């Protein structure tokens, strides 16, 4: 009887786990209002993004991952405005920010930093060839790029695109909305999760803290929206910079004491392992 009870309990747990998994996957897209024109886009499959309603058109920030999520984004926008989607800005090249490009109308102009466009064609972390070289996907790869700064005009409304340097990748764009004093920064900040640094895309944690510092010095933004965190403020960004610096200093100290990579990782939380590996590799590169 005990064995039967255990089997039943396990079956219930598996059922609930699968149910919760389906629920998480089917979480509906939600528009969170920042102003009458600016919205965060949560839910669906893929990262958080955004949308800005200009005088004559709409600009979308990042594109989710699948057709259902994109359909929900487009339907949600139609509830807010009858203006067409004219631009879609990819903040960087991670799949959860760009995979949905292909489900937007081909009349949309896709925009990104020049390094981000290059990363569309870069092999994956596992070395697999990028699918974006396929001719049928060419219309959905960014065709408009910039190097340092760019403005997109939507009637009388301007959207500022900034590149402050290497960080999460080498092609991270910050979109700044001056009237709202709000910046969308992609994956340049993870909170409270450990920061992800994509070394295989040229990302670097030491440059990351410099890049965020330049952003704070340049923009008068008071709100910062990111791909996987709740909206934060300037103090939140400063605390993030401080935390990454603290980790870097600790790793450097442990390396100087002759600790191995595994020993160093053991000094941190398990979910920080990827960031610690990146920091270790960067410090060793500096020492060469």
C-alpha atoms as a PDB file:
ATOM      1  CA  UNK A   1       0.000   0.000   0.000  1.00  0.00           C
ATOM      2  CA  UNK A   2       2.877   2.330   0.843  1.00  0.00           C
ATOM      3  CA  UNK A   3       4.383   1.706  -2.591  1.00  0.00           C
ATOM      4  CA  UNK A   4       1.051   2.475  -4.298  1.00  0.00           C
ATOM      5  CA  UNK A   5       0.689   5.695  -2.274  1.00  0.00           C
ATOM      6  CA  UNK A   6       4.188   6.818  -3.239  1.00  0.00           C
ATOM      7  CA  UNK A   7       3.531   6.066  -6.933  1.00  0.00           C
ATOM      8  CA  UNK A   8       0.270   8.031  -6.788  1.00  0.00           C
ATOM      9  CA  UNK A   9       1.965  10.946  -5.062  1.00  0.00           C
ATOM     10  CA  UNK A  10       4.713  11.012  -7.699  1.00  0.00           C
ATOM     11  CA  UNK A  11       2.134  10.897 -10.467  1.00  0.00           C
ATOM     12  CA  UNK A  12       0.278  13.848  -8.934  1.00  0.00           C
ATOM     13  CA  UNK A  13       3.528  15.809  -8.623  1.00  0.00           C
ATOM     14  CA  UNK A  14       4.402  15.105 -12.256  1.00  0.00           C
ATOM     15  CA  UNK A  15       0.919  16.159 -13.357  1.00  0.00           C
ATOM     16  CA  UNK A  16       1.081  19.404 -11.374  1.00  0.00           C
ATOM     17  CA  UNK A  17       4.599  20.110 -12.625  1.00  0.00           C
ATOM     18  CA  UNK A  18       3.491  19.627 -16.232  1.00  0.00           C
ATOM     19  CA  UNK A  19       0.399  21.767 -15.625  1.00  0.00           C
ATOM     20  CA  UNK A  20       2.440  24.596 -14.141  1.00  0.00           C
ATOM     21  CA  UNK A  21       4.897  24.278 -17.040  1.00  0.00           C
ATOM     22  CA  UNK A  22       2.088  24.654 -19.572  1.00  0.00           C
ATOM     23  CA  UNK A  23       0.692  27.591 -17.614  1.00  0.00           C
ATOM     24  CA  UNK A  24       4.083  29.333 -17.614  1.00  0.00           C
ATOM     25  CA  UNK A  25       4.506  28.738 -21.344  1.00  0.00           C
ATOM     26  CA  UNK A  26       1.036  30.087 -22.144  1.00  0.00           C
ATOM     27  CA  UNK A  27       1.234  33.165 -19.938  1.00  0.00           C
ATOM     28  CA  UNK A  28      -0.526  35.843 -21.994  1.00  0.00           C
ATOM     29  CA  UNK A  29       1.228  38.921 -23.279  1.00  0.00           C
ATOM     30  CA  UNK A  30       0.591  41.940 -21.086  1.00  0.00           C
ATOM     31  CA  UNK A  31       1.160  45.641 -21.762  1.00  0.00           C
ATOM     32  CA  UNK A  32       2.337  47.628 -18.741  1.00  0.00           C
ATOM     33  CA  UNK A  33       1.765  51.341 -19.175  1.00  0.00           C
ATOM     34  CA  UNK A  34       4.638  53.743 -18.516  1.00  0.00           C
ATOM     35  CA  UNK A  35       2.978  56.697 -20.265  1.00  0.00           C
ATOM     36  CA  UNK A  36       0.208  57.183 -22.819  1.00  0.00           C
ATOM     37  CA  UNK A  37       2.806  56.391 -25.490  1.00  0.00           C
ATOM     38  CA  UNK A  38       5.275  54.005 -23.866  1.00  0.00           C
ATOM     39  CA  UNK A  39       4.653  50.442 -22.687  1.00  0.00           C
ATOM     40  CA  UNK A  40       6.589  47.475 -21.337  1.00  0.00           C
ATOM     41  CA  UNK A  41       5.554  44.159 -22.888  1.00  0.00           C
ATOM     42  CA  UNK A  42       5.580  41.180 -20.516  1.00  0.00           C
ATOM     43  CA  UNK A  43       4.459  37.571 -20.903  1.00  0.00           C
ATOM     44  CA  UNK A  44       4.418  35.251 -23.895  1.00  0.00           C
ATOM     45  CA  UNK A  45       7.553  33.293 -24.788  1.00  0.00           C
ATOM     46  CA  UNK A  46      10.714  35.325 -24.847  1.00  0.00           C
ATOM     47  CA  UNK A  47      12.131  38.341 -23.101  1.00  0.00           C
ATOM     48  CA  UNK A  48      10.294  41.407 -21.933  1.00  0.00           C
ATOM     49  CA  UNK A  49      10.155  44.124 -24.546  1.00  0.00           C
ATOM     50  CA  UNK A  50       8.364  47.358 -25.192  1.00  0.00           C
ATOM     51  CA  UNK A  51       6.386  49.535 -27.571  1.00  0.00           C
ATOM     52  CA  UNK A  52       6.290  53.261 -28.281  1.00  0.00           C
ATOM     53  CA  UNK A  53       3.348  54.956 -30.006  1.00  0.00           C
ATOM     54  CA  UNK A  54       4.592  57.842 -32.139  1.00  0.00           C
ATOM     55  CA  UNK A  55       2.515  60.428 -33.981  1.00  0.00           C
ATOM     56  CA  UNK A  56       2.320  58.356 -37.137  1.00  0.00           C
ATOM     57  CA  UNK A  57       3.665  54.869 -36.348  1.00  0.00           C
ATOM     58  CA  UNK A  58       4.689  52.371 -33.686  1.00  0.00           C
ATOM     59  CA  UNK A  59       8.167  51.247 -32.646  1.00  0.00           C
ATOM     60  CA  UNK A  60       8.511  47.812 -30.999  1.00  0.00           C
ATOM     61  CA  UNK A  61      11.423  46.771 -28.788  1.00  0.00           C
ATOM     62  CA  UNK A  62      12.442  43.105 -29.213  1.00  0.00           C
ATOM     63  CA  UNK A  63      10.238  40.426 -30.692  1.00  0.00           C
ATOM     64  CA  UNK A  64       9.537  37.475 -28.362  1.00  0.00           C
ATOM     65  CA  UNK A  65      10.209  33.911 -29.580  1.00  0.00           C
ATOM     66  CA  UNK A  66       7.207  32.387 -31.293  1.00  0.00           C
ATOM     67  CA  UNK A  67       4.293  33.200 -33.571  1.00  0.00           C
ATOM     68  CA  UNK A  68       1.638  33.016 -30.868  1.00  0.00           C
ATOM     69  CA  UNK A  69       3.462  35.559 -28.715  1.00  0.00           C
ATOM     70  CA  UNK A  70       3.960  37.917 -31.663  1.00  0.00           C
ATOM     71  CA  UNK A  71       0.289  37.616 -32.602  1.00  0.00           C
ATOM     72  CA  UNK A  72      -0.598  38.629 -29.055  1.00  0.00           C
ATOM     73  CA  UNK A  73       1.760  41.605 -29.220  1.00  0.00           C
ATOM     74  CA  UNK A  74       0.238  42.790 -32.493  1.00  0.00           C
ATOM     75  CA  UNK A  75      -3.307  42.248 -31.216  1.00  0.00           C
ATOM     76  CA  UNK A  76      -2.486  44.136 -28.023  1.00  0.00           C
ATOM     77  CA  UNK A  77      -1.128  47.070 -29.994  1.00  0.00           C
ATOM     78  CA  UNK A  78      -4.307  47.191 -32.070  1.00  0.00           C
ATOM     79  CA  UNK A  79      -6.236  47.654 -28.833  1.00  0.00           C
ATOM     80  CA  UNK A  80      -4.079  50.701 -28.039  1.00  0.00           C
ATOM     81  CA  UNK A  81      -3.656  52.359 -31.444  1.00  0.00           C
ATOM     82  CA  UNK A  82      -4.567  52.080 -35.123  1.00  0.00           C
ATOM     83  CA  UNK A  83      -1.091  53.248 -36.155  1.00  0.00           C
ATOM     84  CA  UNK A  84       1.065  50.719 -38.046  1.00  0.00           C
ATOM     85  CA  UNK A  85       4.225  49.098 -36.695  1.00  0.00           C
ATOM     86  CA  UNK A  86       7.028  50.777 -38.626  1.00  0.00           C
ATOM     87  CA  UNK A  87      10.176  49.864 -36.674  1.00  0.00           C
ATOM     88  CA  UNK A  88      11.355  46.975 -34.528  1.00  0.00           C
ATOM     89  CA  UNK A  89      14.594  47.463 -32.596  1.00  0.00           C
ATOM     90  CA  UNK A  90      16.492  44.387 -31.428  1.00  0.00           C
ATOM     91  CA  UNK A  91      18.451  45.334 -28.316  1.00  0.00           C
ATOM     92  CA  UNK A  92      20.890  42.447 -28.981  1.00  0.00           C
ATOM     93  CA  UNK A  93      21.024  39.072 -30.724  1.00  0.00           C
ATOM     94  CA  UNK A  94      19.858  36.518 -28.131  1.00  0.00           C
ATOM     95  CA  UNK A  95      17.150  34.205 -29.445  1.00  0.00           C
ATOM     96  CA  UNK A  96      14.559  35.251 -26.872  1.00  0.00           C
ATOM     97  CA  UNK A  97      14.827  38.816 -28.246  1.00  0.00           C
ATOM     98  CA  UNK A  98      14.997  38.139 -32.002  1.00  0.00           C
ATOM     99  CA  UNK A  99      13.386  34.791 -32.892  1.00  0.00           C
ATOM    100  CA  UNK A 100       9.976  36.441 -33.271  1.00  0.00           C
ATOM    101  CA  UNK A 101      11.196  38.884 -35.940  1.00  0.00           C
ATOM    102  CA  UNK A 102      10.055  36.479 -38.653  1.00  0.00           C
ATOM    103  CA  UNK A 103       6.416  36.733 -37.530  1.00  0.00           C
ATOM    104  CA  UNK A 104       6.149  40.501 -37.955  1.00  0.00           C
ATOM    105  CA  UNK A 105       4.966  42.025 -41.246  1.00  0.00           C
ATOM    106  CA  UNK A 106       7.687  42.449 -43.869  1.00  0.00           C
ATOM    107  CA  UNK A 107       6.771  46.147 -44.001  1.00  0.00           C
ATOM    108  CA  UNK A 108       8.523  46.558 -40.626  1.00  0.00           C
ATOM    109  CA  UNK A 109      12.071  47.962 -40.670  1.00  0.00           C
ATOM    110  CA  UNK A 110      14.332  45.996 -38.322  1.00  0.00           C
ATOM    111  CA  UNK A 111      16.968  48.052 -36.514  1.00  0.00           C
ATOM    112  CA  UNK A 112      19.994  47.089 -34.398  1.00  0.00           C
ATOM    113  CA  UNK A 113      23.566  48.004 -33.565  1.00  0.00           C
ATOM    114  CA  UNK A 114      25.975  46.960 -36.312  1.00  0.00           C
ATOM    115  CA  UNK A 115      27.585  44.351 -34.041  1.00  0.00           C
ATOM    116  CA  UNK A 116      24.181  42.894 -33.225  1.00  0.00           C
ATOM    117  CA  UNK A 117      23.450  42.379 -36.922  1.00  0.00           C
ATOM    118  CA  UNK A 118      26.766  40.513 -37.268  1.00  0.00           C
ATOM    119  CA  UNK A 119      25.791  38.320 -34.314  1.00  0.00           C
ATOM    120  CA  UNK A 120      22.637  37.217 -36.143  1.00  0.00           C
ATOM    121  CA  UNK A 121      24.956  35.140 -38.347  1.00  0.00           C
ATOM    122  CA  UNK A 122      27.340  33.974 -35.630  1.00  0.00           C
ATOM    123  CA  UNK A 123      27.327  30.230 -34.768  1.00  0.00           C
ATOM    124  CA  UNK A 124      25.507  29.351 -31.557  1.00  0.00           C
ATOM    125  CA  UNK A 125      27.169  28.554 -28.254  1.00  0.00           C
ATOM    126  CA  UNK A 126      27.218  24.895 -29.366  1.00  0.00           C
ATOM    127  CA  UNK A 127      28.856  25.784 -32.685  1.00  0.00           C
ATOM    128  CA  UNK A 128      25.684  25.198 -34.698  1.00  0.00           C
ATOM    129  CA  UNK A 129      25.291  27.279 -37.854  1.00  0.00           C
ATOM    130  CA  UNK A 130      22.957  30.277 -37.579  1.00  0.00           C
ATOM    131  CA  UNK A 131      19.574  29.913 -39.252  1.00  0.00           C
ATOM    132  CA  UNK A 132      19.516  33.623 -40.115  1.00  0.00           C
ATOM    133  CA  UNK A 133      21.610  33.018 -43.242  1.00  0.00           C
ATOM    134  CA  UNK A 134      18.584  31.329 -44.839  1.00  0.00           C
ATOM    135  CA  UNK A 135      17.275  33.485 -47.739  1.00  0.00           C
ATOM    136  CA  UNK A 136      13.688  33.296 -46.500  1.00  0.00           C
ATOM    137  CA  UNK A 137      14.701  34.974 -43.222  1.00  0.00           C
ATOM    138  CA  UNK A 138      16.629  37.826 -44.866  1.00  0.00           C
ATOM    139  CA  UNK A 139      13.685  40.285 -44.624  1.00  0.00           C
ATOM    140  CA  UNK A 140      13.666  39.865 -40.835  1.00  0.00           C
ATOM    141  CA  UNK A 141      17.355  40.557 -40.186  1.00  0.00           C
ATOM    142  CA  UNK A 142      18.130  44.180 -39.201  1.00  0.00           C
ATOM    143  CA  UNK A 143      18.584  46.234 -42.373  1.00  0.00           C
ATOM    144  CA  UNK A 144      19.170  49.545 -40.579  1.00  0.00           C
ATOM    145  CA  UNK A 145      22.179  49.704 -38.244  1.00  0.00           C
ATOM    146  CA  UNK A 146      24.195  52.320 -36.352  1.00  0.00           C
ATOM    147  CA  UNK A 147      27.569  52.535 -34.621  1.00  0.00           C
ATOM    148  CA  UNK A 148      27.320  55.052 -31.754  1.00  0.00           C
ATOM    149  CA  UNK A 149      24.058  56.977 -31.774  1.00  0.00           C
ATOM    150  CA  UNK A 150      20.937  57.188 -33.868  1.00  0.00           C
ATOM    151  CA  UNK A 151      17.529  58.882 -33.708  1.00  0.00           C
ATOM    152  CA  UNK A 152      14.276  57.525 -35.066  1.00  0.00           C
ATOM    153  CA  UNK A 153      11.624  60.159 -35.728  1.00  0.00           C
ATOM    154  CA  UNK A 154       7.967  59.250 -35.383  1.00  0.00           C
ATOM    155  CA  UNK A 155       6.358  62.530 -36.376  1.00  0.00           C
ATOM    156  CA  UNK A 156       7.225  65.042 -33.675  1.00  0.00           C
ATOM    157  CA  UNK A 157       8.405  62.281 -31.317  1.00  0.00           C
ATOM    158  CA  UNK A 158      12.015  61.132 -31.200  1.00  0.00           C
ATOM    159  CA  UNK A 159      13.481  57.861 -29.978  1.00  0.00           C
ATOM    160  CA  UNK A 160      17.186  57.865 -29.142  1.00  0.00           C
ATOM    161  CA  UNK A 161      19.311  54.763 -29.784  1.00  0.00           C
ATOM    162  CA  UNK A 162      22.639  54.647 -27.975  1.00  0.00           C
ATOM    163  CA  UNK A 163      25.645  52.351 -27.956  1.00  0.00           C
ATOM    164  CA  UNK A 164      27.771  52.685 -24.830  1.00  0.00           C
ATOM    165  CA  UNK A 165      30.150  49.779 -25.413  1.00  0.00           C
ATOM    166  CA  UNK A 166      30.741  46.094 -24.755  1.00  0.00           C
ATOM    167  CA  UNK A 167      28.796  44.412 -21.968  1.00  0.00           C
ATOM    168  CA  UNK A 168      26.366  41.505 -22.166  1.00  0.00           C
ATOM    169  CA  UNK A 169      27.457  41.202 -25.828  1.00  0.00           C
ATOM    170  CA  UNK A 170      29.310  43.572 -28.172  1.00  0.00           C
ATOM    171  CA  UNK A 171      26.087  44.864 -29.744  1.00  0.00           C
ATOM    172  CA  UNK A 172      23.773  46.018 -26.943  1.00  0.00           C
ATOM    173  CA  UNK A 173      21.482  48.947 -27.760  1.00  0.00           C
ATOM    174  CA  UNK A 174      19.935  51.313 -25.216  1.00  0.00           C
ATOM    175  CA  UNK A 175      16.714  53.005 -26.310  1.00  0.00           C
ATOM    176  CA  UNK A 176      16.034  56.272 -24.507  1.00  0.00           C
ATOM    177  CA  UNK A 177      12.694  58.073 -24.358  1.00  0.00           C
ATOM    178  CA  UNK A 178      13.425  61.610 -23.110  1.00  0.00           C
ATOM    179  CA  UNK A 179       9.837  62.641 -22.300  1.00  0.00           C
ATOM    180  CA  UNK A 180       9.409  59.602 -20.056  1.00  0.00           C
ATOM    181  CA  UNK A 181      13.039  59.677 -18.815  1.00  0.00           C
ATOM    182  CA  UNK A 182      12.953  55.923 -19.445  1.00  0.00           C
ATOM    183  CA  UNK A 183      15.575  53.647 -20.990  1.00  0.00           C
ATOM    184  CA  UNK A 184      15.119  50.128 -22.370  1.00  0.00           C
ATOM    185  CA  UNK A 185      18.430  48.316 -21.923  1.00  0.00           C
ATOM    186  CA  UNK A 186      17.871  44.723 -23.056  1.00  0.00           C
ATOM    187  CA  UNK A 187      19.904  42.229 -21.031  1.00  0.00           C
ATOM    188  CA  UNK A 188      22.465  44.697 -19.719  1.00  0.00           C
ATOM    189  CA  UNK A 189      21.057  44.208 -16.231  1.00  0.00           C
ATOM    190  CA  UNK A 190      19.761  41.041 -14.585  1.00  0.00           C
ATOM    191  CA  UNK A 191      18.235  41.465 -11.125  1.00  0.00           C
ATOM    192  CA  UNK A 192      18.151  39.625  -8.803  1.00  0.00           C
ATOM    193  CA  UNK A 193      19.588  36.899 -11.058  1.00  0.00           C
ATOM    194  CA  UNK A 194      23.369  36.958 -11.645  1.00  0.00           C
ATOM    195  CA  UNK A 195      24.377  38.958 -14.689  1.00  0.00           C
ATOM    196  CA  UNK A 196      24.826  36.979 -17.901  1.00  0.00           C
ATOM    197  CA  UNK A 197      27.937  37.799 -19.922  1.00  0.00           C
ATOM    198  CA  UNK A 198      28.048  36.118 -23.322  1.00  0.00           C
ATOM    199  CA  UNK A 199      31.792  35.678 -23.745  1.00  0.00           C
ATOM    200  CA  UNK A 200      31.250  33.749 -26.981  1.00  0.00           C
ATOM    201  CA  UNK A 201      29.666  36.916 -28.411  1.00  0.00           C
ATOM    202  CA  UNK A 202      32.485  39.126 -27.163  1.00  0.00           C
ATOM    203  CA  UNK A 203      30.793  40.159 -23.922  1.00  0.00           C
ATOM    204  CA  UNK A 204      33.001  41.196 -21.013  1.00  0.00           C
ATOM    205  CA  UNK A 205      32.127  41.851 -17.366  1.00  0.00           C
ATOM    206  CA  UNK A 206      34.808  44.516 -16.838  1.00  0.00           C
ATOM    207  CA  UNK A 207      33.629  46.428 -19.889  1.00  0.00           C
ATOM    208  CA  UNK A 208      30.064  45.841 -18.712  1.00  0.00           C
ATOM    209  CA  UNK A 209      30.513  47.985 -15.605  1.00  0.00           C
ATOM    210  CA  UNK A 210      32.187  50.731 -17.668  1.00  0.00           C
ATOM    211  CA  UNK A 211      29.368  50.639 -20.211  1.00  0.00           C
ATOM    212  CA  UNK A 212      26.660  50.982 -17.566  1.00  0.00           C
ATOM    213  CA  UNK A 213      28.579  53.812 -15.913  1.00  0.00           C
ATOM    214  CA  UNK A 214      28.770  55.660 -19.252  1.00  0.00           C
ATOM    215  CA  UNK A 215      25.035  55.163 -19.675  1.00  0.00           C
ATOM    216  CA  UNK A 216      24.310  56.745 -16.286  1.00  0.00           C
ATOM    217  CA  UNK A 217      26.696  59.621 -17.019  1.00  0.00           C
ATOM    218  CA  UNK A 218      25.121  60.299 -20.419  1.00  0.00           C
ATOM    219  CA  UNK A 219      21.379  59.825 -19.988  1.00  0.00           C
ATOM    220  CA  UNK A 220      19.006  61.548 -17.591  1.00  0.00           C
ATOM    221  CA  UNK A 221      16.947  58.361 -17.384  1.00  0.00           C
ATOM    222  CA  UNK A 222      15.172  57.669 -14.107  1.00  0.00           C
ATOM    223  CA  UNK A 223      13.578  54.350 -15.101  1.00  0.00           C
ATOM    224  CA  UNK A 224      15.316  51.351 -16.668  1.00  0.00           C
ATOM    225  CA  UNK A 225      13.434  48.476 -18.311  1.00  0.00           C
ATOM    226  CA  UNK A 226      15.263  45.235 -19.050  1.00  0.00           C
ATOM    227  CA  UNK A 227      14.602  41.892 -20.652  1.00  0.00           C
ATOM    228  CA  UNK A 228      14.293  39.763 -17.529  1.00  0.00           C
ATOM    229  CA  UNK A 229      13.968  42.043 -14.494  1.00  0.00           C
ATOM    230  CA  UNK A 230      11.448  44.400 -12.984  1.00  0.00           C
ATOM    231  CA  UNK A 231      11.832  48.069 -13.823  1.00  0.00           C
ATOM    232  CA  UNK A 232      14.566  49.701 -11.743  1.00  0.00           C
ATOM    233  CA  UNK A 233      15.949  53.184 -11.069  1.00  0.00           C
ATOM    234  CA  UNK A 234      19.393  54.797 -11.091  1.00  0.00           C
ATOM    235  CA  UNK A 235      20.183  53.430  -7.634  1.00  0.00           C
ATOM    236  CA  UNK A 236      19.309  49.955  -8.870  1.00  0.00           C
ATOM    237  CA  UNK A 237      21.819  50.264 -11.718  1.00  0.00           C
ATOM    238  CA  UNK A 238      24.469  51.643  -9.345  1.00  0.00           C
ATOM    239  CA  UNK A 239      23.902  48.740  -6.943  1.00  0.00           C
ATOM    240  CA  UNK A 240      24.223  46.302  -9.832  1.00  0.00           C
ATOM    241  CA  UNK A 241      27.545  47.865 -10.863  1.00  0.00           C
ATOM    242  CA  UNK A 242      28.767  47.675  -7.255  1.00  0.00           C
ATOM    243  CA  UNK A 243      27.780  44.010  -6.957  1.00  0.00           C
ATOM    244  CA  UNK A 244      29.579  43.003 -10.166  1.00  0.00           C
ATOM    245  CA  UNK A 245      32.694  44.913  -9.119  1.00  0.00           C
ATOM    246  CA  UNK A 246      32.619  43.188  -5.725  1.00  0.00           C
ATOM    247  CA  UNK A 247      32.509  39.781  -7.410  1.00  0.00           C
ATOM    248  CA  UNK A 248      35.381  40.724  -9.707  1.00  0.00           C
ATOM    249  CA  UNK A 249      37.530  41.825  -6.771  1.00  0.00           C
ATOM    250  CA  UNK A 250      36.805  38.622  -4.863  1.00  0.00           C
ATOM    251  CA  UNK A 251      37.620  36.449  -7.878  1.00  0.00           C
ATOM    252  CA  UNK A 252      40.859  38.346  -8.471  1.00  0.00           C
ATOM    253  CA  UNK A 253      41.860  37.850  -4.825  1.00  0.00           C
ATOM    254  CA  UNK A 254      41.164  34.105  -5.018  1.00  0.00           C
ATOM    255  CA  UNK A 255      43.162  33.756  -8.242  1.00  0.00           C
ATOM    256  CA  UNK A 256      46.091  35.530  -6.577  1.00  0.00           C
ATOM    257  CA  UNK A 257      45.883  32.953  -3.775  1.00  0.00           C
ATOM    258  CA  UNK A 258      46.330  30.188  -6.318  1.00  0.00           C
ATOM    259  CA  UNK A 259      42.759  28.840  -6.182  1.00  0.00           C
ATOM    260  CA  UNK A 260      41.528  26.687  -9.062  1.00  0.00           C
ATOM    261  CA  UNK A 261      38.427  27.569 -11.059  1.00  0.00           C
ATOM    262  CA  UNK A 262      36.358  24.948  -9.241  1.00  0.00           C
ATOM    263  CA  UNK A 263      37.575  26.196  -5.863  1.00  0.00           C
ATOM    264  CA  UNK A 264      36.707  29.761  -6.831  1.00  0.00           C
ATOM    265  CA  UNK A 265      33.222  28.771  -8.013  1.00  0.00           C
ATOM    266  CA  UNK A 266      32.746  27.027  -4.667  1.00  0.00           C
ATOM    267  CA  UNK A 267      33.085  30.419  -2.951  1.00  0.00           C
ATOM    268  CA  UNK A 268      29.951  31.703  -4.702  1.00  0.00           C
ATOM    269  CA  UNK A 269      26.311  30.711  -5.122  1.00  0.00           C
ATOM    270  CA  UNK A 270      25.719  27.885  -7.593  1.00  0.00           C
ATOM    271  CA  UNK A 271      23.700  30.095  -9.950  1.00  0.00           C
ATOM    272  CA  UNK A 272      26.653  32.502 -10.214  1.00  0.00           C
ATOM    273  CA  UNK A 273      28.927  29.885 -11.815  1.00  0.00           C
ATOM    274  CA  UNK A 274      28.681  31.169 -15.415  1.00  0.00           C
ATOM    275  CA  UNK A 275      29.501  34.727 -14.401  1.00  0.00           C
ATOM    276  CA  UNK A 276      32.424  33.539 -12.263  1.00  0.00           C
ATOM    277  CA  UNK A 277      33.786  31.506 -15.177  1.00  0.00           C
ATOM    278  CA  UNK A 278      33.609  34.582 -17.398  1.00  0.00           C
ATOM    279  CA  UNK A 279      35.341  36.805 -14.829  1.00  0.00           C
ATOM    280  CA  UNK A 280      38.115  34.220 -14.297  1.00  0.00           C
ATOM    281  CA  UNK A 281      38.763  33.970 -18.030  1.00  0.00           C
ATOM    282  CA  UNK A 282      38.829  37.764 -18.388  1.00  0.00           C
ATOM    283  CA  UNK A 283      41.303  38.194 -15.521  1.00  0.00           C
ATOM    284  CA  UNK A 284      43.585  35.550 -17.004  1.00  0.00           C
ATOM    285  CA  UNK A 285      43.411  37.256 -20.396  1.00  0.00           C
ATOM    286  CA  UNK A 286      44.393  40.575 -18.795  1.00  0.00           C
ATOM    287  CA  UNK A 287      47.365  38.892 -17.095  1.00  0.00           C
ATOM    288  CA  UNK A 288      48.751  37.513 -20.369  1.00  0.00           C
END
